[in-house]
Amino acid sequence: MANSTEKYRDSAPKQVGIWIRVSTEDQVRGESPEVHEKRARMYAEARGWRVREVYRLDAVSGKAVMGHAEAKRMLADIHSGHISGLIFSKIARLARNTKELLEFADSFRDAGADMVSLQEAIDTSSPAGRLFFTVIAAMAQWEREEIAERVAASVPIRAKLGRPIGGAAPFGYRWNNKKLEPDPNERSVRALMYELFAEHRRKKTVARILNERGYRTRKGAHFSDTTVDRLLRDPTAKGLYRQNYTRTNDRTKSWELKPENEWVWTPVEAIVSTELWEECSGILERHRASHKKPSRENVHLFSGYAFCACGTKMYARPSALKYICSGCKNKIPITDLEAVYRDQLSQFLLSPDEIAAHIEAANDAIQEKGALIQSAKDELKKLNAEDDRLYELYIADELTKEAFGRRHKPLSLRQSQLEEELPRLQAQLDVLRISSTADAAALSDVQDLANRWDQFSRTEKRQLIETITDTIIIGKEEVVINLLNIPASLKSDAKATKPHGFIAAIN
């Protein structure tokens, strides 16, 4: 018996991996990935196997897993010999598609590796195991198809009863006790969307106004014209919730509309009147039918960038000739503000020496940061060598446990600090390199801008303003123009005479 025990101790243990796939529904039922992993580890320990890898696919459907990154990693480890077996709790956890399950089995067989299903107690390396695996896999596929058919058959019935059939409630609404009702925090935004579209007739304009006023989607993102279009077309806002109207095309994997006779309509509380909804729908359909984009709304060059010295945004109505502050009634003629902007750009000319000095300073900063990174790497290398030397002394009984601890602790602390510091230093170096290139281009662009200003179209002028302008502060006697892309070092040098930009007096 002793000889037999020594034989197993001397032989290399089997190297295996653990496969864990627990769907969202399984996690809701309390089947956590940790439970499955613990079970597999205990099995491997009982067999004397060594667990080398764990492959986790959290909240992933078993319908198709071959393309998943973890599946590819696992198969690569099998073919390379990194592992020679895979443990999973049951076949349905590996995959529920018969074709993929058999492909997995073929890959394992070709590599001489084993597949172990704990629940079914299957070893696919044997002929009996492979036959049983095929039967069980077919049953799993059949079960999935049966469930899908039952769910599909229940959808129209649930929809007709007004019950949720999956998915989130439309923006502006919420589910409450399985009933759809207006959301008190979103209904006013949804209603405002229709009012703005009826007024401006442009989806992009509606999205821009909503974003400027601080409104966001349910996920906290900015509104886009696509989102506005989808919500405007959704009939829920006028009191008709539409269900069971789409399905997934199995061939293209994209969704498509079902025949209208299969649609289910449920009356809900309306957010807007039927007349307003129909008006907006008519505008959208006319835009779609004409295949022509509506003309761009007249936006003055400095709209959104002009601020009064009191802190209020200044706007000019389409027919107005001045930017006006709604707070203190400060105003400036539109033509005067453009002239000030153009003239001040022409005055902001940096000498070649100033540009060269800025580029040299940027290069010095890059070299300094690079030297700091190299110094940190060298120090970490020395610490690792010192740590190894201490460990060797401890193993050789030349250091007591207490002495080793006292000398090892500061080394370990500094190693951890450097390992955290190096990525941060490298990121800083990347920022410096990118910023240096961008600053050089920005300086060239700003100098060339004033010379070409009168050649630009109105749209091009607006795009340039959006690219380089931060804010324009309009006081009673002066205008302060703050640019976005002026290098920080030049801004600080100019603070005494040109705080954060340039100042022009208003005559």
Protein backbone atom coordinates (compact mmCIF):
# COMPACT_ATOMS: atom_id res chain seq x y z
CA MET A 1 0.00 0.00 0.00
CA ALA A 2 2.84 2.37 0.87
CA ASN A 3 4.50 1.77 -2.48
CA SER A 4 1.20 2.40 -4.23
CA THR A 5 0.77 5.68 -2.35
CA GLU A 6 4.27 6.82 -3.23
CA LYS A 7 3.55 6.03 -6.88
CA TYR A 8 0.61 8.45 -6.96
CA ARG A 9 2.55 11.12 -5.09
CA ASP A 10 5.37 10.98 -7.62
CA SER A 11 3.10 11.08 -10.69
CA ALA A 12 2.07 14.49 -11.99
CA PRO A 13 -1.55 15.30 -11.18
CA LYS A 14 -4.05 15.79 -14.02
CA GLN A 15 -4.32 19.44 -15.04
CA VAL A 16 -7.94 20.47 -15.45
CA GLY A 17 -10.08 23.53 -15.97
CA ILE A 18 -13.44 24.50 -14.48
CA TRP A 19 -16.22 25.81 -16.72
CA ILE A 20 -18.81 28.08 -15.10
CA ARG A 21 -21.79 29.48 -16.97
CA VAL A 22 -24.68 30.73 -14.90
CA SER A 23 -27.43 32.70 -16.65
CA THR A 24 -29.15 35.74 -15.18
CA GLU A 25 -32.23 33.63 -14.41
CA ASP A 26 -30.09 31.06 -12.56
CA GLN A 27 -28.53 33.81 -10.43
CA VAL A 28 -32.00 35.08 -9.53
CA ARG A 29 -32.80 31.56 -8.33
CA GLY A 30 -29.72 31.67 -6.11
CA GLU A 31 -27.38 29.54 -8.25
CA SER A 32 -24.28 31.71 -7.92
CA PRO A 33 -21.09 31.08 -9.94
CA GLU A 34 -19.19 30.67 -6.68
CA VAL A 35 -21.33 27.66 -5.69
CA HIS A 36 -20.61 25.91 -9.01
CA GLU A 37 -16.90 26.66 -8.77
CA LYS A 38 -16.66 25.33 -5.22
CA ARG A 39 -18.39 22.12 -6.22
CA ALA A 40 -16.03 21.56 -9.14
CA ARG A 41 -12.95 22.33 -7.03
CA MET A 42 -14.01 19.81 -4.40
CA TYR A 43 -14.47 17.18 -7.11
CA ALA A 44 -11.03 17.86 -8.55
CA GLU A 45 -9.48 17.66 -5.10
CA ALA A 46 -11.13 14.31 -4.46
CA ARG A 47 -9.73 12.96 -7.73
CA GLY A 48 -6.26 14.34 -7.00
CA TRP A 49 -6.44 16.74 -9.95
CA ARG A 50 -4.95 20.20 -10.10
CA VAL A 51 -7.18 23.09 -11.18
CA ARG A 52 -5.16 25.34 -13.46
CA GLU A 53 -7.84 27.53 -15.05
CA VAL A 54 -11.37 28.75 -14.38
CA TYR A 55 -13.48 29.84 -17.37
CA ARG A 56 -16.37 32.10 -16.38
CA LEU A 57 -19.27 33.18 -18.57
CA ASP A 58 -21.49 35.15 -16.22
CA ALA A 59 -25.04 35.88 -17.42
CA VAL A 60 -24.40 34.33 -20.86
CA SER A 61 -27.06 32.32 -22.70
CA GLY A 62 -26.16 28.74 -23.55
CA LYS A 63 -27.74 28.97 -26.99
CA ALA A 64 -24.39 29.88 -28.62
CA VAL A 65 -21.13 30.03 -26.69
CA MET A 66 -18.44 28.86 -29.15
CA GLY A 67 -17.69 32.45 -30.17
CA HIS A 68 -17.26 33.69 -26.61
CA ALA A 69 -13.75 34.76 -25.62
CA GLU A 70 -13.68 32.38 -22.66
CA ALA A 71 -14.70 29.44 -24.86
CA LYS A 72 -11.92 30.26 -27.31
CA ARG A 73 -9.41 30.50 -24.47
CA MET A 74 -10.54 27.15 -23.08
CA LEU A 75 -10.24 25.37 -26.45
CA ALA A 76 -6.80 26.90 -26.99
CA ASP A 77 -5.70 25.57 -23.59
CA ILE A 78 -7.03 22.10 -24.49
CA HIS A 79 -5.20 21.96 -27.83
CA SER A 80 -1.95 23.28 -26.33
CA GLY A 81 -2.04 20.73 -23.53
CA HIS A 82 -2.26 23.39 -20.86
CA ILE A 83 -5.22 21.45 -19.45
CA SER A 84 -6.29 17.86 -20.20
CA GLY A 85 -9.80 17.94 -18.84
CA LEU A 86 -12.77 20.19 -18.16
CA ILE A 87 -15.23 19.98 -15.26
CA PHE A 88 -18.70 21.49 -15.42
CA SER A 89 -21.75 21.05 -13.20
CA LYS A 90 -24.04 19.74 -15.95
CA ILE A 91 -24.28 19.57 -19.73
CA ALA A 92 -26.71 22.47 -19.99
CA ARG A 93 -24.08 24.65 -18.32
CA LEU A 94 -21.55 23.93 -21.07
CA ALA A 95 -23.98 24.76 -23.87
CA ARG A 96 -27.59 24.03 -24.85
CA ASN A 97 -27.01 23.84 -28.59
CA THR A 98 -26.54 20.22 -29.79
CA LYS A 99 -24.19 21.18 -32.62
CA GLU A 100 -21.90 23.16 -30.32
CA LEU A 101 -21.90 20.46 -27.66
CA LEU A 102 -20.79 17.87 -30.23
CA GLU A 103 -18.14 20.25 -31.57
CA PHE A 104 -16.81 20.66 -28.04
CA ALA A 105 -16.73 16.86 -27.66
CA ASP A 106 -14.87 16.41 -30.96
CA SER A 107 -12.29 19.04 -29.98
CA PHE A 108 -11.68 17.33 -26.65
CA ARG A 109 -11.45 13.90 -28.25
CA ASP A 110 -8.94 15.09 -30.86
CA ALA A 111 -6.80 16.61 -28.11
CA GLY A 112 -7.07 13.49 -25.92
CA ALA A 113 -8.80 15.48 -23.18
CA ASP A 114 -11.71 14.53 -20.96
CA MET A 115 -15.05 16.19 -20.34
CA VAL A 116 -16.65 15.66 -16.95
CA SER A 117 -20.27 16.54 -16.26
CA LEU A 118 -20.88 16.24 -12.53
CA GLN A 119 -24.65 15.98 -12.59
CA GLU A 120 -24.85 13.47 -15.45
CA ALA A 121 -21.61 11.66 -14.39
CA ILE A 122 -20.47 11.52 -18.01
CA ASP A 123 -16.92 10.91 -19.28
CA THR A 124 -16.88 11.54 -23.05
CA SER A 125 -13.57 9.71 -23.54
CA SER A 126 -15.46 6.38 -23.53
CA PRO A 127 -17.81 5.19 -26.34
CA ALA A 128 -20.67 4.77 -23.88
CA GLY A 129 -20.08 8.23 -22.48
CA ARG A 130 -20.09 9.82 -25.94
CA LEU A 131 -23.35 8.08 -26.87
CA PHE A 132 -24.99 9.14 -23.64
CA PHE A 133 -23.62 12.69 -24.13
CA THR A 134 -25.25 12.87 -27.56
CA VAL A 135 -28.60 11.76 -26.19
CA ILE A 136 -28.54 14.19 -23.27
CA ALA A 137 -27.42 17.05 -25.53
CA ALA A 138 -30.32 16.37 -27.90
CA MET A 139 -32.71 16.43 -24.97
CA ALA A 140 -31.30 19.76 -23.79
CA GLN A 141 -31.80 21.26 -27.25
CA TRP A 142 -35.33 19.88 -27.43
CA GLU A 143 -36.11 21.36 -24.00
CA ARG A 144 -34.84 24.79 -25.08
CA GLU A 145 -36.99 24.73 -28.22
CA GLU A 146 -40.02 23.63 -26.20
CA ILE A 147 -39.53 26.51 -23.76
CA ALA A 148 -39.12 28.98 -26.64
CA GLU A 149 -42.36 27.77 -28.23
CA ARG A 150 -44.25 28.03 -24.93
CA VAL A 151 -42.94 31.55 -24.34
CA ALA A 152 -43.84 32.62 -27.89
CA ALA A 153 -47.36 31.20 -27.50
CA SER A 154 -47.86 33.01 -24.19
CA VAL A 155 -46.76 36.44 -25.44
CA PRO A 156 -50.00 37.43 -27.23
CA ILE A 157 -52.10 36.20 -24.30
CA ARG A 158 -50.06 38.16 -21.74
CA ALA A 159 -50.12 41.21 -23.99
CA LYS A 160 -53.91 41.11 -24.33
CA LEU A 161 -54.16 40.95 -20.54
CA GLY A 162 -52.03 44.11 -20.35
CA ARG A 163 -49.18 42.32 -18.55
CA PRO A 164 -45.49 43.07 -19.22
CA ILE A 165 -43.90 40.68 -21.72
CA GLY A 166 -40.32 41.73 -21.22
CA GLY A 167 -38.26 44.84 -21.71
CA ALA A 168 -38.23 48.21 -20.02
CA ALA A 169 -41.14 50.59 -20.02
CA PRO A 170 -40.97 53.33 -22.69
CA PHE A 171 -39.34 56.61 -21.63
CA GLY A 172 -41.95 58.64 -19.80
CA TYR A 173 -43.61 55.55 -18.31
CA ARG A 174 -42.93 52.93 -15.64
CA TRP A 175 -44.27 49.55 -14.59
CA ASN A 176 -46.20 49.68 -11.32
CA ASN A 177 -47.93 46.54 -10.08
CA LYS A 178 -47.62 45.10 -13.61
CA LYS A 179 -49.47 48.12 -15.02
CA LEU A 180 -47.98 50.78 -17.28
CA GLU A 181 -48.37 54.31 -15.94
CA PRO A 182 -46.71 57.71 -16.56
CA ASP A 183 -43.44 58.17 -14.71
CA PRO A 184 -43.66 61.34 -12.57
CA ASN A 185 -40.00 62.21 -13.30
CA GLU A 186 -40.04 61.57 -17.06
CA ARG A 187 -43.53 62.39 -18.33
CA SER A 188 -42.92 66.15 -18.56
CA VAL A 189 -39.71 65.61 -20.58
CA ARG A 190 -41.53 63.26 -22.97
CA ALA A 191 -44.33 65.82 -23.41
CA LEU A 192 -41.80 68.65 -23.94
CA MET A 193 -40.22 66.61 -26.74
CA TYR A 194 -43.46 66.71 -28.76
CA GLU A 195 -43.99 70.42 -28.10
CA LEU A 196 -40.46 71.28 -29.23
CA PHE A 197 -40.73 69.16 -32.36
CA ALA A 198 -44.06 70.73 -33.31
CA GLU A 199 -42.38 74.14 -32.96
CA HIS A 200 -38.97 73.50 -34.57
CA ARG A 201 -39.74 70.50 -36.81
CA ARG A 202 -36.17 69.19 -36.48
CA LYS A 203 -35.14 66.18 -34.41
CA LYS A 204 -31.57 67.42 -33.94
CA THR A 205 -32.83 70.76 -32.71
CA VAL A 206 -35.10 69.05 -30.19
CA ALA A 207 -32.20 66.90 -28.96
CA ARG A 208 -29.92 69.93 -28.68
CA ILE A 209 -32.45 71.97 -26.69
CA LEU A 210 -33.19 69.07 -24.32
CA ASN A 211 -29.48 68.55 -23.68
CA GLU A 212 -28.82 72.26 -23.19
CA ARG A 213 -31.58 72.40 -20.58
CA GLY A 214 -29.94 69.56 -18.69
CA TYR A 215 -32.35 66.74 -19.55
CA ARG A 216 -30.90 63.25 -20.04
CA THR A 217 -32.12 59.80 -21.06
CA ARG A 218 -33.00 57.19 -18.46
CA LYS A 219 -29.41 55.91 -18.57
CA GLY A 220 -27.99 59.41 -18.10
CA ALA A 221 -26.86 59.88 -21.72
CA HIS A 222 -27.44 62.87 -23.98
CA PHE A 223 -30.49 62.78 -26.22
CA SER A 224 -29.76 62.10 -29.91
CA ASP A 225 -31.90 62.70 -32.98
CA THR A 226 -32.31 58.91 -33.29
CA THR A 227 -33.69 58.66 -29.76
CA VAL A 228 -36.00 61.60 -30.36
CA ASP A 229 -37.29 60.00 -33.58
CA ARG A 230 -38.00 56.68 -31.86
CA LEU A 231 -39.85 58.30 -28.95
CA LEU A 232 -41.87 60.62 -31.17
CA ARG A 233 -43.11 57.65 -33.22
CA ASP A 234 -43.99 55.56 -30.16
CA PRO A 235 -47.82 55.69 -29.79
CA THR A 236 -47.68 55.04 -26.05
CA ALA A 237 -47.52 58.79 -25.43
CA LYS A 238 -50.99 59.27 -26.93
CA GLY A 239 -52.41 56.45 -24.80
CA LEU A 240 -51.90 53.30 -26.90
CA TYR A 241 -49.25 50.83 -25.74
CA ARG A 242 -48.20 48.49 -28.57
CA GLN A 243 -47.02 44.93 -27.82
CA ASN A 244 -46.20 41.74 -29.72
CA TYR A 245 -45.30 43.71 -32.84
CA THR A 246 -41.70 42.57 -33.42
CA ARG A 247 -39.81 39.30 -33.67
CA THR A 248 -36.23 38.20 -34.27
CA ASN A 249 -35.28 36.87 -37.68
CA ASP A 250 -33.39 33.61 -36.99
CA ARG A 251 -31.40 33.95 -40.20
CA THR A 252 -30.25 37.58 -39.96
CA LYS A 253 -30.50 37.85 -36.13
CA SER A 254 -32.17 41.26 -36.62
CA TRP A 255 -35.65 42.27 -35.50
CA GLU A 256 -38.55 42.77 -37.89
CA LEU A 257 -42.20 43.80 -37.67
CA LYS A 258 -44.89 41.18 -37.32
CA PRO A 259 -48.10 41.41 -39.39
CA GLU A 260 -50.33 44.15 -37.98
CA ASN A 261 -53.11 41.67 -37.22
CA GLU A 262 -50.82 40.14 -34.55
CA TRP A 263 -50.15 43.44 -32.80
CA VAL A 264 -51.75 43.91 -29.40
CA TRP A 265 -52.89 47.36 -28.26
CA THR A 266 -53.44 48.24 -24.61
CA PRO A 267 -54.99 51.58 -23.55
CA VAL A 268 -52.84 53.51 -21.06
CA GLU A 269 -52.89 57.03 -19.63
CA ALA A 270 -51.80 59.51 -22.31
CA ILE A 271 -48.98 62.02 -21.86
CA VAL A 272 -49.84 64.21 -24.88
CA SER A 273 -53.04 64.82 -26.80
CA THR A 274 -53.87 62.71 -29.83
CA GLU A 275 -53.85 65.89 -31.94
CA LEU A 276 -50.28 66.82 -30.94
CA TRP A 277 -49.05 63.25 -31.47
CA GLU A 278 -50.66 63.08 -34.91
CA GLU A 279 -49.20 66.47 -35.86
CA CYS A 280 -45.67 65.32 -34.99
CA SER A 281 -46.19 61.97 -36.72
CA GLY A 282 -47.35 63.77 -39.86
CA ILE A 283 -44.22 65.94 -39.90
CA LEU A 284 -42.01 62.88 -39.54
CA GLU A 285 -43.78 61.06 -42.35
CA ARG A 286 -43.53 64.08 -44.68
CA HIS A 287 -39.80 64.31 -43.97
CA ARG A 288 -39.40 60.60 -44.70
CA ALA A 289 -41.49 60.78 -47.89
CA SER A 290 -39.63 63.74 -49.32
CA HIS A 291 -36.20 62.23 -48.57
CA LYS A 292 -35.06 65.79 -47.98
CA LYS A 293 -33.54 67.08 -44.80
CA PRO A 294 -35.31 70.18 -43.51
CA SER A 295 -33.33 73.39 -43.76
CA ARG A 296 -31.01 74.05 -40.85
CA GLU A 297 -32.40 76.26 -38.14
CA ASN A 298 -30.87 79.72 -38.14
CA VAL A 299 -28.28 79.66 -35.34
CA HIS A 300 -26.13 82.74 -34.85
CA LEU A 301 -22.38 82.22 -34.90
CA PHE A 302 -21.81 82.65 -31.17
CA SER A 303 -25.00 81.08 -29.79
CA GLY A 304 -24.12 78.95 -26.78
CA TYR A 305 -20.74 80.65 -26.32
CA ALA A 306 -21.76 84.23 -25.58
CA PHE A 307 -22.16 85.00 -21.86
CA CYS A 308 -22.94 88.25 -20.11
CA ALA A 309 -20.48 89.41 -17.44
CA CYS A 310 -23.29 88.74 -14.94
CA GLY A 311 -23.08 85.00 -15.79
CA THR A 312 -26.23 84.70 -17.93
CA LYS A 313 -26.15 83.22 -21.44
CA MET A 314 -26.85 85.75 -24.18
CA TYR A 315 -29.06 84.84 -27.14
CA ALA A 316 -30.16 86.50 -30.35
CA ARG A 317 -33.51 85.65 -31.88
CA PRO A 318 -33.42 84.70 -35.58
CA SER A 319 -34.65 88.14 -36.65
CA ALA A 320 -32.75 90.10 -33.99
CA LEU A 321 -29.65 92.16 -34.62
CA LYS A 322 -28.17 91.93 -31.11
CA TYR A 323 -27.19 89.39 -28.46
CA ILE A 324 -29.20 90.26 -25.35
CA CYS A 325 -28.87 89.22 -21.70
CA SER A 326 -32.28 88.33 -20.27
CA GLY A 327 -31.02 89.19 -16.78
CA CYS A 328 -29.38 92.63 -16.83
CA LYS A 329 -30.39 93.49 -20.44
CA ASN A 330 -26.77 93.92 -21.50
CA LYS A 331 -26.51 93.75 -25.31
CA ILE A 332 -24.04 93.80 -28.20
CA PRO A 333 -24.73 94.00 -31.96
CA ILE A 334 -24.18 90.73 -33.82
CA THR A 335 -21.91 92.32 -36.40
CA ASP A 336 -19.81 94.01 -33.69
CA LEU A 337 -19.18 90.72 -31.85
CA GLU A 338 -18.02 89.00 -35.03
CA ALA A 339 -15.71 91.91 -35.83
CA VAL A 340 -14.23 91.79 -32.31
CA TYR A 341 -13.69 88.03 -32.58
CA ARG A 342 -11.99 88.27 -35.98
CA ASP A 343 -9.81 91.26 -35.01
CA GLN A 344 -8.65 89.67 -31.77
CA LEU A 345 -7.70 86.47 -33.58
CA SER A 346 -5.53 88.51 -35.94
CA GLN A 347 -3.79 90.14 -32.96
CA PHE A 348 -3.07 86.79 -31.29
CA LEU A 349 0.13 86.08 -33.19
CA LEU A 350 2.88 84.22 -31.41
CA SER A 351 6.47 84.80 -32.41
CA PRO A 352 8.55 81.86 -33.70
CA ASP A 353 10.65 82.14 -30.54
CA GLU A 354 7.56 81.73 -28.33
CA ILE A 355 6.42 78.66 -30.26
CA ALA A 356 9.92 77.15 -30.17
CA ALA A 357 10.12 77.77 -26.42
CA HIS A 358 6.77 76.07 -25.87
CA ILE A 359 7.77 73.01 -27.92
CA GLU A 360 11.12 72.81 -26.13
CA ALA A 361 9.38 72.96 -22.74
CA ALA A 362 7.02 70.17 -23.81
CA ASN A 363 9.92 68.00 -24.96
CA ASP A 364 11.75 68.61 -21.68
CA ALA A 365 8.65 67.52 -19.74
CA ILE A 366 8.41 64.34 -21.83
CA GLN A 367 12.06 63.48 -21.25
CA GLU A 368 11.74 64.20 -17.54
CA LYS A 369 8.71 61.91 -17.23
CA GLY A 370 10.47 59.18 -19.20
CA ALA A 371 13.50 59.39 -16.91
CA LEU A 372 11.21 59.15 -13.88
CA ILE A 373 9.60 55.99 -15.29
CA GLN A 374 12.98 54.39 -15.93
CA SER A 375 14.12 55.30 -12.42
CA ALA A 376 11.03 53.64 -10.95
CA LYS A 377 11.63 50.51 -13.04
CA ASP A 378 15.25 50.33 -11.89
CA GLU A 379 14.24 50.74 -8.27
CA LEU A 380 11.59 48.01 -8.57
CA LYS A 381 14.16 45.67 -10.12
CA LYS A 382 16.55 46.28 -7.21
CA LEU A 383 13.79 45.73 -4.66
CA ASN A 384 12.82 42.44 -6.28
CA ALA A 385 16.46 41.30 -6.19
CA GLU A 386 16.78 42.31 -2.52
CA ASP A 387 13.53 40.51 -1.70
CA ASP A 388 14.83 37.34 -3.39
CA ARG A 389 18.10 37.58 -1.45
CA LEU A 390 16.21 37.93 1.84
CA TYR A 391 14.10 34.90 1.04
CA GLU A 392 17.19 32.83 0.23
CA LEU A 393 18.75 33.82 3.57
CA TYR A 394 15.55 32.87 5.36
CA ILE A 395 15.38 29.49 3.64
CA ALA A 396 19.04 28.88 4.53
CA ASP A 397 18.23 29.61 8.19
CA GLU A 398 20.53 32.63 8.19
CA LEU A 399 17.61 34.91 9.12
CA THR A 400 15.04 34.33 11.83
CA LYS A 401 11.36 34.65 11.00
CA GLU A 402 11.17 37.92 12.95
CA ALA A 403 14.23 39.39 11.23
CA PHE A 404 12.90 38.37 7.84
CA GLY A 405 9.54 40.01 8.59
CA ARG A 406 11.13 43.28 9.73
CA ARG A 407 13.26 43.58 6.58
CA HIS A 408 10.66 42.20 4.17
CA LYS A 409 7.75 44.43 5.21
CA PRO A 410 9.20 47.81 4.02
CA LEU A 411 10.41 46.17 0.82
CA SER A 412 6.96 44.75 0.10
CA LEU A 413 5.29 48.09 0.82
CA ARG A 414 7.59 49.96 -1.56
CA GLN A 415 7.13 47.28 -4.24
CA SER A 416 3.36 47.71 -4.05
CA GLN A 417 3.71 51.48 -4.28
CA LEU A 418 5.91 51.27 -7.37
CA GLU A 419 3.64 48.71 -9.05
CA GLU A 420 0.74 51.15 -8.63
CA GLU A 421 2.85 54.18 -9.57
CA LEU A 422 4.31 52.89 -12.84
CA PRO A 423 1.00 52.68 -14.79
CA ARG A 424 0.09 56.15 -13.59
CA LEU A 425 3.44 57.58 -14.71
CA GLN A 426 3.12 55.88 -18.09
CA ALA A 427 -0.37 57.34 -18.56
CA GLN A 428 1.00 60.80 -17.73
CA LEU A 429 3.71 60.32 -20.35
CA ASP A 430 1.10 59.34 -22.96
CA VAL A 431 -0.89 62.47 -22.15
CA LEU A 432 2.21 64.66 -22.50
CA ARG A 433 3.08 63.18 -25.89
CA ILE A 434 -0.44 63.56 -27.26
CA SER A 435 -0.86 67.05 -25.82
CA SER A 436 2.45 68.22 -27.28
CA THR A 437 1.41 67.20 -30.79
CA ALA A 438 -2.07 68.70 -30.38
CA ASP A 439 -0.71 72.00 -28.99
CA ALA A 440 1.63 72.49 -31.96
CA ALA A 441 -1.26 71.93 -34.38
CA ALA A 442 -3.54 74.26 -32.38
CA LEU A 443 -1.03 77.12 -32.44
CA SER A 444 -0.69 76.82 -36.20
CA ASP A 445 -4.47 76.71 -36.68
CA VAL A 446 -5.12 79.78 -34.53
CA GLN A 447 -2.55 81.87 -36.39
CA ASP A 448 -3.96 80.87 -39.78
CA LEU A 449 -7.59 81.34 -38.76
CA ALA A 450 -7.71 85.16 -38.78
CA ASN A 451 -6.09 85.39 -42.21
CA ARG A 452 -8.68 83.07 -43.77
CA TRP A 453 -11.74 84.22 -41.76
CA ASP A 454 -13.47 86.15 -44.56
CA GLN A 455 -13.02 83.20 -46.96
CA PHE A 456 -15.02 80.83 -44.75
CA SER A 457 -18.72 80.15 -45.23
CA ARG A 458 -21.06 80.78 -42.32
CA THR A 459 -21.18 77.04 -41.56
CA GLU A 460 -17.37 76.81 -41.59
CA LYS A 461 -17.09 79.80 -39.24
CA ARG A 462 -19.50 78.16 -36.81
CA GLN A 463 -17.53 74.89 -36.92
CA LEU A 464 -14.27 76.73 -36.21
CA ILE A 465 -15.84 78.60 -33.30
CA GLU A 466 -17.09 75.31 -31.84
CA THR A 467 -13.60 73.81 -32.22
CA ILE A 468 -11.45 76.49 -30.55
CA THR A 469 -13.79 78.58 -28.36
CA ASP A 470 -14.55 78.00 -24.70
CA THR A 471 -16.55 81.11 -23.75
CA ILE A 472 -17.01 84.73 -24.78
CA ILE A 473 -17.67 87.05 -21.83
CA ILE A 474 -19.41 90.29 -22.81
CA GLY A 475 -19.21 93.17 -20.36
CA LYS A 476 -20.39 96.74 -20.60
CA GLU A 477 -17.04 97.97 -21.88
CA GLU A 478 -15.02 94.93 -22.94
CA VAL A 479 -15.21 91.44 -24.43
CA VAL A 480 -13.07 88.56 -23.10
CA ILE A 481 -12.56 85.64 -25.52
CA ASN A 482 -11.40 82.34 -23.98
CA LEU A 483 -10.02 79.72 -26.36
CA LEU A 484 -10.01 75.97 -25.71
CA ASN A 485 -6.83 74.89 -27.46
CA ILE A 486 -4.33 77.52 -26.37
CA PRO A 487 -1.57 75.63 -24.50
CA ALA A 488 -1.81 76.03 -20.73
CA SER A 489 1.75 77.36 -20.46
CA LEU A 490 0.95 80.22 -22.84
CA LYS A 491 -2.28 81.01 -21.01
CA SER A 492 -0.43 81.41 -17.74
CA ASP A 493 2.22 83.65 -19.34
CA ALA A 494 -0.51 85.92 -20.73
CA LYS A 495 -2.57 86.31 -17.57
CA ALA A 496 -1.29 89.78 -16.73
CA THR A 497 -2.51 91.37 -19.94
CA LYS A 498 -4.82 88.73 -21.43
CA PRO A 499 -6.54 86.69 -18.71
CA HIS A 500 -7.25 83.23 -20.15
CA GLY A 501 -7.60 84.66 -23.65
CA PHE A 502 -7.76 88.14 -25.09
CA ILE A 503 -9.67 91.29 -24.21
CA ALA A 504 -11.14 93.80 -26.57
CA ALA A 505 -12.58 97.16 -25.60
CA ILE A 506 -16.08 98.06 -26.76
CA ASN A 507 -16.20 101.52 -28.22
